[in-house]
């Protein structure tokens, strides 16, 4: 019983960081900016639940340091080039830039 209780507590303790993640409604990528090791982008989708640190409206950032980050950037660039809509889900943190939420997922709906 104690093991189950401890496991449940541990699982709940992990939830708050994702529970407060920001997201956007479907919208197009409206701006792209690169800096050393990162890409910033904005979307036209309505933003909801941004963390307090995300003071720049509708802007997100993605690191370019890992292959998974680079795949996320490729998805964003492809959607932007094709004029496709995207939906963004953030990490709930501003770990790359102090005023911009880090993007965790980008969804490009199929036509």
N, C-alpha and C. Protein backbone atom coordinates (compact mmCIF):
# COMPACT_ATOMS: atom_id res chain seq x y z
N UNK A 1 0.82 -1.19 0.00
CA UNK A 1 0.00 0.00 0.00
C UNK A 1 0.86 1.26 0.00
N UNK A 2 1.93 1.26 0.81
CA UNK A 2 2.79 2.44 0.86
C UNK A 2 3.45 2.71 -0.49
N UNK A 3 3.84 1.63 -1.19
CA UNK A 3 4.46 1.80 -2.50
C UNK A 3 3.49 2.43 -3.49
N UNK A 4 2.23 2.01 -3.44
CA UNK A 4 1.22 2.57 -4.34
C UNK A 4 0.97 4.04 -4.03
N UNK A 5 0.91 4.37 -2.75
CA UNK A 5 0.70 5.75 -2.35
C UNK A 5 1.88 6.62 -2.78
N UNK A 6 3.09 6.13 -2.59
CA UNK A 6 4.27 6.88 -2.99
C UNK A 6 4.31 7.07 -4.49
N UNK A 7 3.96 6.04 -5.25
CA UNK A 7 3.95 6.13 -6.70
C UNK A 7 2.90 7.13 -7.17
N UNK A 8 1.72 7.11 -6.58
CA UNK A 8 0.67 8.05 -6.95
C UNK A 8 1.10 9.47 -6.64
N UNK A 9 1.72 9.70 -5.49
CA UNK A 9 2.21 11.03 -5.12
C UNK A 9 3.26 11.50 -6.12
N UNK A 10 4.18 10.62 -6.49
CA UNK A 10 5.23 10.96 -7.44
C UNK A 10 4.62 11.34 -8.79
N UNK A 11 3.62 10.57 -9.26
CA UNK A 11 2.98 10.86 -10.54
C UNK A 11 2.27 12.21 -10.51
N UNK A 12 1.60 12.51 -9.42
CA UNK A 12 0.91 13.80 -9.28
C UNK A 12 1.92 14.94 -9.22
N UNK A 13 3.04 14.71 -8.57
CA UNK A 13 4.07 15.75 -8.46
C UNK A 13 4.64 16.13 -9.82
N UNK A 14 4.62 15.22 -10.76
CA UNK A 14 5.14 15.50 -12.09
C UNK A 14 4.16 16.28 -12.96
N UNK A 15 2.90 16.27 -12.64
CA UNK A 15 1.87 16.87 -13.48
C UNK A 15 1.87 18.40 -13.54
N UNK A 16 2.16 19.12 -12.49
CA UNK A 16 1.99 20.57 -12.56
C UNK A 16 2.72 21.26 -13.69
N UNK A 17 3.91 20.84 -14.07
CA UNK A 17 4.63 21.54 -15.12
C UNK A 17 3.89 21.47 -16.44
N UNK A 18 3.29 20.34 -16.78
CA UNK A 18 2.55 20.26 -18.03
C UNK A 18 1.13 20.80 -17.88
N UNK A 19 0.60 20.82 -16.67
CA UNK A 19 -0.76 21.31 -16.46
C UNK A 19 -0.86 22.81 -16.73
N UNK A 20 0.22 23.53 -16.60
CA UNK A 20 0.20 24.97 -16.80
C UNK A 20 0.82 25.38 -18.13
N UNK A 21 0.99 24.44 -19.05
CA UNK A 21 1.58 24.76 -20.34
C UNK A 21 0.61 25.60 -21.16
N UNK A 22 1.17 26.54 -21.93
CA UNK A 22 0.36 27.34 -22.82
C UNK A 22 0.06 26.59 -24.09
N UNK A 23 -0.91 27.08 -24.83
CA UNK A 23 -1.24 26.48 -26.11
C UNK A 23 -1.80 27.56 -27.02
N UNK A 24 -1.93 27.21 -28.29
CA UNK A 24 -2.55 28.14 -29.23
C UNK A 24 -3.62 27.40 -30.00
N UNK A 25 -4.63 28.16 -30.42
CA UNK A 25 -5.62 27.62 -31.34
C UNK A 25 -4.97 27.54 -32.72
N UNK A 26 -5.63 26.88 -33.65
CA UNK A 26 -5.09 26.80 -35.00
C UNK A 26 -4.85 28.18 -35.58
N UNK A 27 -3.71 28.35 -36.22
CA UNK A 27 -3.36 29.61 -36.87
C UNK A 27 -2.14 29.40 -37.74
N UNK A 28 -1.81 30.37 -38.53
CA UNK A 28 -0.65 30.26 -39.40
C UNK A 28 0.59 30.81 -38.70
N UNK A 29 1.75 30.37 -39.15
CA UNK A 29 3.02 30.90 -38.66
C UNK A 29 3.20 32.25 -39.32
N UNK A 30 3.31 33.29 -38.52
CA UNK A 30 3.33 34.66 -39.06
C UNK A 30 4.69 35.33 -39.02
N UNK A 31 5.64 34.78 -38.29
CA UNK A 31 6.96 35.40 -38.20
C UNK A 31 7.97 34.35 -37.78
N UNK A 32 9.15 34.40 -38.36
CA UNK A 32 10.25 33.50 -37.99
C UNK A 32 11.49 34.33 -37.72
N UNK A 33 12.17 34.03 -36.63
CA UNK A 33 13.42 34.71 -36.29
C UNK A 33 14.38 33.69 -35.74
N UNK A 34 15.61 33.72 -36.20
CA UNK A 34 16.60 32.79 -35.65
C UNK A 34 17.66 33.55 -34.89
N UNK A 35 18.13 32.92 -33.83
CA UNK A 35 19.28 33.38 -33.07
C UNK A 35 20.17 32.17 -32.90
N UNK A 36 21.36 32.37 -32.44
CA UNK A 36 22.27 31.26 -32.25
C UNK A 36 21.62 30.16 -31.43
N UNK A 37 21.41 29.02 -32.06
CA UNK A 37 20.90 27.86 -31.35
C UNK A 37 19.41 27.81 -31.09
N UNK A 38 18.63 28.76 -31.65
CA UNK A 38 17.19 28.77 -31.39
C UNK A 38 16.43 29.43 -32.53
N UNK A 39 15.16 29.05 -32.66
CA UNK A 39 14.27 29.71 -33.61
C UNK A 39 13.03 30.19 -32.87
N UNK A 40 12.71 31.46 -33.05
CA UNK A 40 11.51 32.06 -32.49
C UNK A 40 10.47 32.12 -33.60
N UNK A 41 9.20 31.90 -33.26
CA UNK A 41 8.14 32.03 -34.25
C UNK A 41 6.86 32.50 -33.57
N UNK A 42 6.03 33.17 -34.35
CA UNK A 42 4.72 33.60 -33.85
C UNK A 42 3.64 32.95 -34.70
N UNK A 43 2.47 32.82 -34.10
CA UNK A 43 1.33 32.26 -34.82
C UNK A 43 0.13 33.19 -34.69
N UNK A 44 -0.80 33.05 -35.62
CA UNK A 44 -2.00 33.88 -35.59
C UNK A 44 -3.09 33.27 -34.72
N UNK A 45 -2.87 32.04 -34.23
CA UNK A 45 -3.86 31.39 -33.37
C UNK A 45 -3.95 32.05 -32.01
N UNK A 46 -5.14 32.09 -31.45
CA UNK A 46 -5.37 32.67 -30.13
C UNK A 46 -4.61 31.89 -29.07
N UNK A 47 -3.87 32.59 -28.25
CA UNK A 47 -3.05 31.98 -27.22
C UNK A 47 -3.85 31.77 -25.95
N UNK A 48 -3.65 30.64 -25.27
CA UNK A 48 -4.33 30.41 -24.00
C UNK A 48 -3.34 29.87 -22.97
N UNK A 49 -3.55 30.24 -21.74
CA UNK A 49 -2.78 29.78 -20.58
C UNK A 49 -1.27 29.90 -20.69
N UNK A 50 -0.75 31.03 -21.17
CA UNK A 50 0.71 31.15 -21.20
C UNK A 50 1.25 31.27 -19.78
N UNK A 51 2.47 30.79 -19.53
CA UNK A 51 3.05 30.98 -18.21
C UNK A 51 3.36 32.47 -18.00
N UNK A 52 3.50 32.87 -16.77
CA UNK A 52 3.75 34.29 -16.45
C UNK A 52 5.01 34.82 -17.13
N UNK A 53 5.98 33.97 -17.35
CA UNK A 53 7.24 34.42 -17.97
C UNK A 53 7.08 34.78 -19.44
N UNK A 54 6.04 34.28 -20.11
CA UNK A 54 5.85 34.50 -21.55
C UNK A 54 5.16 35.85 -21.76
N UNK A 55 5.96 36.90 -21.85
CA UNK A 55 5.42 38.25 -21.94
C UNK A 55 5.27 38.76 -23.36
N UNK A 56 5.75 38.01 -24.34
CA UNK A 56 5.60 38.41 -25.74
C UNK A 56 4.43 37.61 -26.33
N UNK A 57 3.33 38.28 -26.65
CA UNK A 57 2.13 37.57 -27.12
C UNK A 57 2.38 36.75 -28.39
N UNK A 58 1.84 35.56 -28.42
CA UNK A 58 1.85 34.67 -29.58
C UNK A 58 3.23 34.21 -30.05
N UNK A 59 4.27 34.45 -29.25
CA UNK A 59 5.61 34.03 -29.66
C UNK A 59 6.03 32.77 -28.91
N UNK A 60 6.72 31.89 -29.62
CA UNK A 60 7.23 30.63 -29.10
C UNK A 60 8.69 30.52 -29.48
N UNK A 61 9.42 29.63 -28.81
CA UNK A 61 10.82 29.40 -29.16
C UNK A 61 11.11 27.91 -29.14
N UNK A 62 12.00 27.49 -30.04
CA UNK A 62 12.44 26.10 -30.12
C UNK A 62 13.97 26.12 -30.17
N UNK A 63 14.60 25.28 -29.39
CA UNK A 63 16.04 25.11 -29.45
C UNK A 63 16.39 24.38 -30.75
N UNK A 64 17.59 24.57 -31.23
CA UNK A 64 18.03 23.88 -32.44
C UNK A 64 19.18 22.92 -32.15
N UNK A 65 19.31 22.51 -30.91
CA UNK A 65 20.51 21.75 -30.52
C UNK A 65 20.40 20.24 -30.68
N UNK A 66 19.19 19.68 -30.67
CA UNK A 66 19.05 18.22 -30.79
C UNK A 66 18.32 17.87 -32.07
N UNK A 67 18.40 16.62 -32.46
CA UNK A 67 17.70 16.21 -33.68
C UNK A 67 16.18 16.32 -33.52
N UNK A 68 15.66 16.08 -32.34
CA UNK A 68 14.21 16.23 -32.15
C UNK A 68 13.81 17.70 -32.24
N UNK A 69 14.64 18.61 -31.72
CA UNK A 69 14.38 20.04 -31.87
C UNK A 69 14.41 20.44 -33.34
N UNK A 70 15.37 19.92 -34.07
CA UNK A 70 15.51 20.23 -35.49
C UNK A 70 14.33 19.70 -36.29
N UNK A 71 13.79 18.54 -35.90
CA UNK A 71 12.59 18.01 -36.56
C UNK A 71 11.39 18.91 -36.31
N UNK A 72 11.29 19.45 -35.10
CA UNK A 72 10.21 20.38 -34.77
C UNK A 72 10.34 21.65 -35.62
N UNK A 73 11.56 22.15 -35.76
CA UNK A 73 11.79 23.33 -36.60
C UNK A 73 11.43 23.04 -38.05
N UNK A 74 11.81 21.86 -38.55
CA UNK A 74 11.47 21.48 -39.93
C UNK A 74 9.96 21.45 -40.13
N UNK A 75 9.22 20.97 -39.14
CA UNK A 75 7.76 20.93 -39.23
C UNK A 75 7.19 22.35 -39.31
N UNK A 76 7.71 23.24 -38.47
CA UNK A 76 7.25 24.64 -38.46
C UNK A 76 7.55 25.31 -39.79
N UNK A 77 8.77 25.12 -40.30
CA UNK A 77 9.16 25.75 -41.57
C UNK A 77 8.33 25.20 -42.73
N UNK A 78 8.08 23.91 -42.72
CA UNK A 78 7.28 23.29 -43.78
C UNK A 78 5.85 23.82 -43.77
N UNK A 79 5.26 23.90 -42.58
CA UNK A 79 3.90 24.42 -42.45
C UNK A 79 3.84 25.87 -42.92
N UNK A 80 4.83 26.66 -42.54
CA UNK A 80 4.85 28.06 -42.93
C UNK A 80 4.99 28.20 -44.44
N UNK A 81 5.87 27.42 -45.05
CA UNK A 81 6.09 27.49 -46.50
C UNK A 81 4.85 27.09 -47.29
N UNK A 82 4.06 26.18 -46.73
CA UNK A 82 2.86 25.71 -47.41
C UNK A 82 1.59 26.49 -47.02
N UNK A 83 1.74 27.44 -46.11
CA UNK A 83 0.59 28.21 -45.66
C UNK A 83 -0.39 27.40 -44.83
N UNK A 84 0.09 26.32 -44.24
CA UNK A 84 -0.75 25.43 -43.43
C UNK A 84 -0.92 26.00 -42.03
N UNK A 85 -2.01 25.65 -41.39
CA UNK A 85 -2.25 26.06 -40.01
C UNK A 85 -1.54 25.12 -39.06
N UNK A 86 -1.17 25.65 -37.90
CA UNK A 86 -0.52 24.86 -36.86
C UNK A 86 -1.21 25.12 -35.54
N UNK A 87 -1.05 24.19 -34.64
CA UNK A 87 -1.46 24.36 -33.25
C UNK A 87 -0.24 24.07 -32.41
N UNK A 88 0.05 24.91 -31.43
CA UNK A 88 1.26 24.79 -30.62
C UNK A 88 0.89 24.48 -29.18
N UNK A 89 1.65 23.57 -28.57
CA UNK A 89 1.53 23.29 -27.15
C UNK A 89 2.89 23.55 -26.54
N UNK A 90 2.93 24.35 -25.49
CA UNK A 90 4.19 24.72 -24.87
C UNK A 90 4.56 23.86 -23.68
N UNK A 91 5.76 24.10 -23.18
CA UNK A 91 6.27 23.36 -22.02
C UNK A 91 5.81 23.96 -20.70
N UNK A 92 5.31 25.20 -20.75
CA UNK A 92 4.95 25.88 -19.51
C UNK A 92 6.13 26.59 -18.88
N UNK A 93 7.26 26.63 -19.60
CA UNK A 93 8.47 27.28 -19.10
C UNK A 93 9.06 28.19 -20.17
N UNK A 94 9.92 29.06 -19.73
CA UNK A 94 10.68 29.93 -20.64
C UNK A 94 12.15 29.56 -20.49
N UNK A 95 12.45 28.30 -20.78
CA UNK A 95 13.79 27.76 -20.51
C UNK A 95 14.84 28.17 -21.54
N UNK A 96 14.43 28.61 -22.71
CA UNK A 96 15.40 29.02 -23.74
C UNK A 96 15.55 30.53 -23.76
N UNK A 97 14.44 31.23 -23.63
CA UNK A 97 14.43 32.69 -23.61
C UNK A 97 13.55 33.14 -22.45
N UNK A 98 14.02 34.09 -21.70
CA UNK A 98 13.34 34.50 -20.46
C UNK A 98 11.93 35.04 -20.66
N UNK A 99 11.59 35.51 -21.89
CA UNK A 99 10.26 36.11 -22.10
C UNK A 99 9.39 35.34 -23.10
N UNK A 100 9.83 34.12 -23.48
CA UNK A 100 9.13 33.36 -24.51
C UNK A 100 8.97 31.90 -24.10
N UNK A 101 7.74 31.39 -24.18
CA UNK A 101 7.51 29.99 -23.81
C UNK A 101 8.16 29.05 -24.82
N UNK A 102 8.76 28.00 -24.31
CA UNK A 102 9.37 26.98 -25.15
C UNK A 102 8.28 26.07 -25.70
N UNK A 103 8.29 25.87 -27.03
CA UNK A 103 7.31 24.99 -27.68
C UNK A 103 7.69 23.54 -27.44
N UNK A 104 6.71 22.73 -27.11
CA UNK A 104 6.95 21.29 -26.91
C UNK A 104 6.45 20.48 -28.09
N UNK A 105 5.31 20.86 -28.64
CA UNK A 105 4.70 20.14 -29.75
C UNK A 105 4.13 21.13 -30.75
N UNK A 106 4.16 20.78 -32.02
CA UNK A 106 3.48 21.53 -33.06
C UNK A 106 2.66 20.54 -33.86
N UNK A 107 1.37 20.80 -33.95
CA UNK A 107 0.47 19.92 -34.68
C UNK A 107 0.09 20.60 -35.99
N UNK A 108 0.23 19.88 -37.09
CA UNK A 108 -0.20 20.36 -38.39
C UNK A 108 -1.32 19.42 -38.86
N UNK A 109 -2.59 19.86 -38.76
CA UNK A 109 -3.70 18.99 -39.14
C UNK A 109 -3.63 18.61 -40.61
N UNK A 110 -4.02 17.40 -40.91
CA UNK A 110 -4.08 16.97 -42.30
C UNK A 110 -5.26 17.62 -43.00
N UNK A 111 -5.12 17.91 -44.29
CA UNK A 111 -6.23 18.58 -45.01
C UNK A 111 -7.43 17.68 -45.14
